[in-house]
């Protein structure tokens, strides 16, 4: 999914950079409401996990590569605002230190993974949560659905950007077929990983999962009397 330098023309790269900057600025403002002693550590752990997952790349044809995105996973665990910031930091480090994704295409990659991947995954998760029973076991199922939807959504956005400003002499049909077919398969793997990770955290510390905190808050308070005191 990482877009390399020169794959999109200058106007498209500048346009996505402007959108990415606005999105990160909005995330900085929104994250102020979410940062506390619970969300700060989980956001850091999410960034590390996504960084490791995204470093495993494989070619999918038409000059592009595929890997796990982690946007929905980050959004469910840390909330969408912090997830956007975490993904953006990961992409910046990858571009400047590991040459994974072009520096001139950094805005495009932030839009694809830090904005589309995170927010499509979050809204799909919320939609699934609304249709599932209101209990903790529904959270990893909804998270898996959000992860599955987010990956081809980001791939489709990339195809749209390529159609607008693609520089490579590759038929748009070939790019569309390669991206959507491969990323549909990646979406299945991402859904499984997301469900396992979210389910594990929900089972132990549901209060640390942004997508489950309303369930924790809704639990009745149990007061136990001490006998013999």
Protein backbone atom coordinates (compact mmCIF):
# COMPACT_ATOMS: atom_id res chain seq x y z
CA UNK A 1 0.00 0.00 0.00
CA UNK A 2 2.98 2.34 0.44
CA UNK A 3 3.10 4.73 -2.51
CA UNK A 4 6.66 5.28 -3.80
CA UNK A 5 8.17 8.54 -5.04
CA UNK A 6 7.17 9.46 -8.59
CA UNK A 7 4.15 7.14 -8.73
CA UNK A 8 1.76 10.12 -8.53
CA UNK A 9 2.26 13.48 -10.23
CA UNK A 10 3.19 16.65 -8.36
CA UNK A 11 -0.31 18.23 -8.20
CA UNK A 12 -1.80 15.02 -6.79
CA UNK A 13 1.03 14.66 -4.27
CA UNK A 14 0.61 18.27 -3.16
CA UNK A 15 -3.15 17.85 -2.88
CA UNK A 16 -2.86 14.76 -0.70
CA UNK A 17 -0.20 16.49 1.41
CA UNK A 18 -2.64 19.33 2.11
CA UNK A 19 -5.39 16.87 3.02
CA UNK A 20 -3.00 14.86 5.21
CA UNK A 21 -1.82 18.00 7.02
CA UNK A 22 -5.39 19.05 7.72
CA UNK A 23 -6.26 15.55 8.92
CA UNK A 24 -3.29 15.37 11.28
CA UNK A 25 -4.07 18.84 12.63
CA UNK A 26 -7.65 17.77 13.31
CA UNK A 27 -6.37 14.60 14.99
CA UNK A 28 -4.05 16.62 17.23
CA UNK A 29 -6.99 18.71 18.34
CA UNK A 30 -9.30 15.72 18.80
CA UNK A 31 -6.70 13.66 20.65
CA UNK A 32 -6.55 16.23 23.45
CA UNK A 33 -9.88 14.92 24.71
CA UNK A 34 -8.75 11.30 24.58
CA UNK A 35 -5.30 11.46 26.17
CA UNK A 36 -5.17 10.16 29.73
CA UNK A 37 -3.24 7.61 31.78
CA UNK A 38 -4.97 4.75 29.94
CA UNK A 39 -4.82 5.91 26.33
CA UNK A 40 -1.22 7.15 26.24
CA UNK A 41 0.41 3.72 26.79
CA UNK A 42 -2.02 1.92 24.49
CA UNK A 43 -1.39 4.46 21.71
CA UNK A 44 2.34 3.84 21.98
CA UNK A 45 1.90 0.07 21.90
CA UNK A 46 -0.43 0.35 18.91
CA UNK A 47 2.15 2.40 17.01
CA UNK A 48 4.85 -0.20 17.68
CA UNK A 49 2.58 -3.09 16.64
CA UNK A 50 1.47 -1.36 13.43
CA UNK A 51 5.05 -0.39 12.62
CA UNK A 52 6.19 -4.00 12.89
CA UNK A 53 3.23 -5.27 10.85
CA UNK A 54 3.68 -2.75 8.07
CA UNK A 55 7.37 -3.54 7.65
CA UNK A 56 6.41 -6.89 6.11
CA UNK A 57 5.74 -5.94 2.48
CA UNK A 58 5.11 -8.06 -0.58
CA UNK A 59 4.48 -7.10 -4.23
CA UNK A 60 0.92 -7.22 -5.54
CA UNK A 61 1.65 -6.23 -9.12
CA UNK A 62 1.39 -3.03 -11.17
CA UNK A 63 4.34 -1.57 -9.25
CA UNK A 64 2.59 -1.59 -5.87
CA UNK A 65 3.02 -3.53 -2.64
CA UNK A 66 0.72 -4.86 0.02
CA UNK A 67 0.92 -5.30 3.81
CA UNK A 68 -1.22 -5.09 6.89
CA UNK A 69 -2.61 -1.59 7.48
CA UNK A 70 -3.61 -1.66 11.14
CA UNK A 71 -5.87 1.38 10.88
CA UNK A 72 -9.01 -0.27 12.24
CA UNK A 73 -7.04 -2.06 14.95
CA UNK A 74 -5.50 1.22 16.08
CA UNK A 75 -8.86 3.01 16.00
CA UNK A 76 -10.65 0.38 18.08
CA UNK A 77 -7.89 0.20 20.68
CA UNK A 78 -6.89 3.86 20.98
CA UNK A 79 -9.73 5.79 19.31
CA UNK A 80 -9.67 7.25 15.78
CA UNK A 81 -7.92 10.52 16.66
CA UNK A 82 -4.98 8.85 18.38
CA UNK A 83 -4.97 6.15 15.70
CA UNK A 84 -4.52 8.77 12.98
CA UNK A 85 -1.60 10.27 14.89
CA UNK A 86 -0.04 6.86 15.54
CA UNK A 87 -0.29 5.82 11.87
CA UNK A 88 1.11 9.16 10.74
CA UNK A 89 4.13 8.83 13.03
CA UNK A 90 4.71 5.29 11.80
CA UNK A 91 4.58 6.41 8.17
CA UNK A 92 6.94 9.33 8.78
CA UNK A 93 9.52 7.07 10.46
CA UNK A 94 9.21 4.48 7.71
CA UNK A 95 9.64 7.07 4.94
CA UNK A 96 12.61 8.91 6.42
CA UNK A 97 14.51 6.10 8.14
CA UNK A 98 13.61 2.96 6.20
CA UNK A 99 12.75 4.31 2.71
CA UNK A 100 9.42 2.49 2.96
CA UNK A 101 7.13 4.76 0.98
CA UNK A 102 8.27 7.88 -0.83
CA UNK A 103 8.97 11.13 1.00
CA UNK A 104 7.17 13.12 -1.69
CA UNK A 105 4.33 10.61 -1.41
CA UNK A 106 4.14 10.87 2.38
CA UNK A 107 0.92 12.88 2.18
CA UNK A 108 -0.65 10.24 -0.06
CA UNK A 109 0.31 7.46 2.32
CA UNK A 110 -1.05 9.34 5.33
CA UNK A 111 -4.33 9.90 3.49
CA UNK A 112 -4.59 6.25 2.47
CA UNK A 113 -3.65 4.63 5.77
CA UNK A 114 -3.84 7.29 8.47
CA UNK A 115 -7.14 8.78 7.31
CA UNK A 116 -9.04 6.37 5.04
CA UNK A 117 -7.79 3.21 6.75
CA UNK A 118 -8.44 4.53 10.24
CA UNK A 119 -11.75 6.33 9.75
CA UNK A 120 -13.41 3.86 7.37
CA UNK A 121 -12.41 1.12 9.78
CA UNK A 122 -13.77 3.08 12.75
CA UNK A 123 -17.12 3.89 11.16
CA UNK A 124 -17.51 0.32 9.91
CA UNK A 125 -16.73 -0.87 13.43
CA UNK A 126 -19.32 1.48 14.92
CA UNK A 127 -21.92 0.37 12.37
CA UNK A 128 -21.28 -3.28 13.18
CA UNK A 129 -21.41 -2.57 16.92
CA UNK A 130 -24.82 -0.98 16.47
CA UNK A 131 -26.22 -4.16 14.94
CA UNK A 132 -24.59 -6.64 17.31
CA UNK A 133 -25.62 -7.47 20.89
CA UNK A 134 -24.42 -4.92 23.40
CA UNK A 135 -21.78 -7.02 25.10
CA UNK A 136 -17.99 -7.27 25.22
CA UNK A 137 -17.82 -10.31 22.95
CA UNK A 138 -19.28 -8.24 20.11
CA UNK A 139 -16.32 -5.82 20.12
CA UNK A 140 -13.72 -8.09 18.43
CA UNK A 141 -16.32 -9.21 15.87
CA UNK A 142 -17.14 -5.61 14.99
CA UNK A 143 -13.42 -4.78 14.95
CA UNK A 144 -12.80 -7.60 12.48
CA UNK A 145 -15.52 -6.24 10.22
CA UNK A 146 -14.04 -2.74 10.40
CA UNK A 147 -10.60 -4.09 9.55
CA UNK A 148 -11.88 -6.08 6.60
CA UNK A 149 -13.73 -3.09 5.13
CA UNK A 150 -10.90 -0.61 5.70
CA UNK A 151 -8.29 -2.42 3.61
CA UNK A 152 -10.06 -2.52 0.22
CA UNK A 153 -11.40 0.99 0.95
CA UNK A 154 -7.84 2.30 1.20
CA UNK A 155 -6.91 0.33 -1.92
CA UNK A 156 -9.85 1.84 -3.80
CA UNK A 157 -8.77 5.33 -2.75
CA UNK A 158 -5.29 4.61 -4.08
CA UNK A 159 -6.77 3.56 -7.42
CA UNK A 160 -8.71 6.83 -7.49
CA UNK A 161 -5.54 8.81 -6.85
CA UNK A 162 -3.73 6.86 -9.56
CA UNK A 163 -6.55 7.56 -12.00
CA UNK A 164 -6.16 11.29 -11.29
CA UNK A 165 -2.40 11.62 -11.26
CA UNK A 166 -0.73 8.29 -11.93
CA UNK A 167 2.69 8.61 -13.55
CA UNK A 168 3.37 4.97 -14.35
CA UNK A 169 2.38 3.71 -17.79
CA UNK A 170 0.05 1.05 -16.39
CA UNK A 171 -3.59 0.59 -17.45
CA UNK A 172 -5.96 1.72 -14.71
CA UNK A 173 -7.80 -1.57 -15.06
CA UNK A 174 -4.66 -3.51 -14.18
CA UNK A 175 -4.08 -1.34 -11.10
CA UNK A 176 -7.70 -1.72 -10.02
CA UNK A 177 -7.66 -5.50 -10.41
CA UNK A 178 -4.32 -5.95 -8.66
CA UNK A 179 -5.10 -3.65 -5.74
CA UNK A 180 -8.65 -4.74 -4.98
CA UNK A 181 -8.13 -8.47 -5.45
CA UNK A 182 -4.99 -8.65 -3.32
CA UNK A 183 -6.24 -6.27 -0.67
CA UNK A 184 -9.49 -8.19 -0.32
CA UNK A 185 -7.33 -11.15 0.71
CA UNK A 186 -5.20 -8.94 2.93
CA UNK A 187 -8.42 -7.68 4.50
CA UNK A 188 -9.31 -11.22 5.59
CA UNK A 189 -5.94 -11.63 7.28
CA UNK A 190 -6.20 -8.19 8.84
CA UNK A 191 -9.67 -9.01 10.15
CA UNK A 192 -8.40 -12.18 11.84
CA UNK A 193 -5.41 -10.43 13.42
CA UNK A 194 -7.56 -7.52 14.56
CA UNK A 195 -10.14 -9.83 16.13
CA UNK A 196 -7.44 -11.78 17.99
CA UNK A 197 -5.65 -8.70 19.32
CA UNK A 198 -8.79 -6.79 20.27
CA UNK A 199 -10.38 -9.89 21.78
CA UNK A 200 -7.29 -10.54 23.91
CA UNK A 201 -7.22 -7.00 25.28
CA UNK A 202 -11.00 -6.91 25.85
CA UNK A 203 -10.80 -10.16 27.81
CA UNK A 204 -8.17 -8.76 30.18
CA UNK A 205 -8.58 -4.98 30.26
CA UNK A 206 -11.71 -3.80 28.41
CA UNK A 207 -11.27 -0.34 29.91
CA UNK A 208 -8.17 0.09 27.73
CA UNK A 209 -10.11 -0.49 24.51
CA UNK A 210 -11.62 2.71 23.16
CA UNK A 211 -14.29 0.79 21.27
CA UNK A 212 -15.45 -0.99 24.43
CA UNK A 213 -15.36 1.72 27.07
CA UNK A 214 -19.07 2.43 26.84
CA UNK A 215 -19.70 -1.19 27.77
CA UNK A 216 -17.40 -0.94 30.76
CA UNK A 217 -19.09 2.25 31.90
CA UNK A 218 -22.48 0.60 31.58
CA UNK A 219 -21.60 -2.25 33.93
CA UNK A 220 -23.41 -2.09 37.28
CA UNK A 221 -21.34 -1.26 40.31
CA UNK A 222 -20.96 -4.25 42.61
CA UNK A 223 -20.69 -3.51 46.33
CA UNK A 224 -19.62 -6.38 48.51
CA UNK A 225 -19.96 -6.30 52.26
CA UNK A 226 -17.12 -7.57 54.40
CA UNK A 227 -18.17 -10.18 56.90
CA UNK A 228 -16.76 -10.06 60.40
CA UNK A 229 -15.29 -6.57 60.23
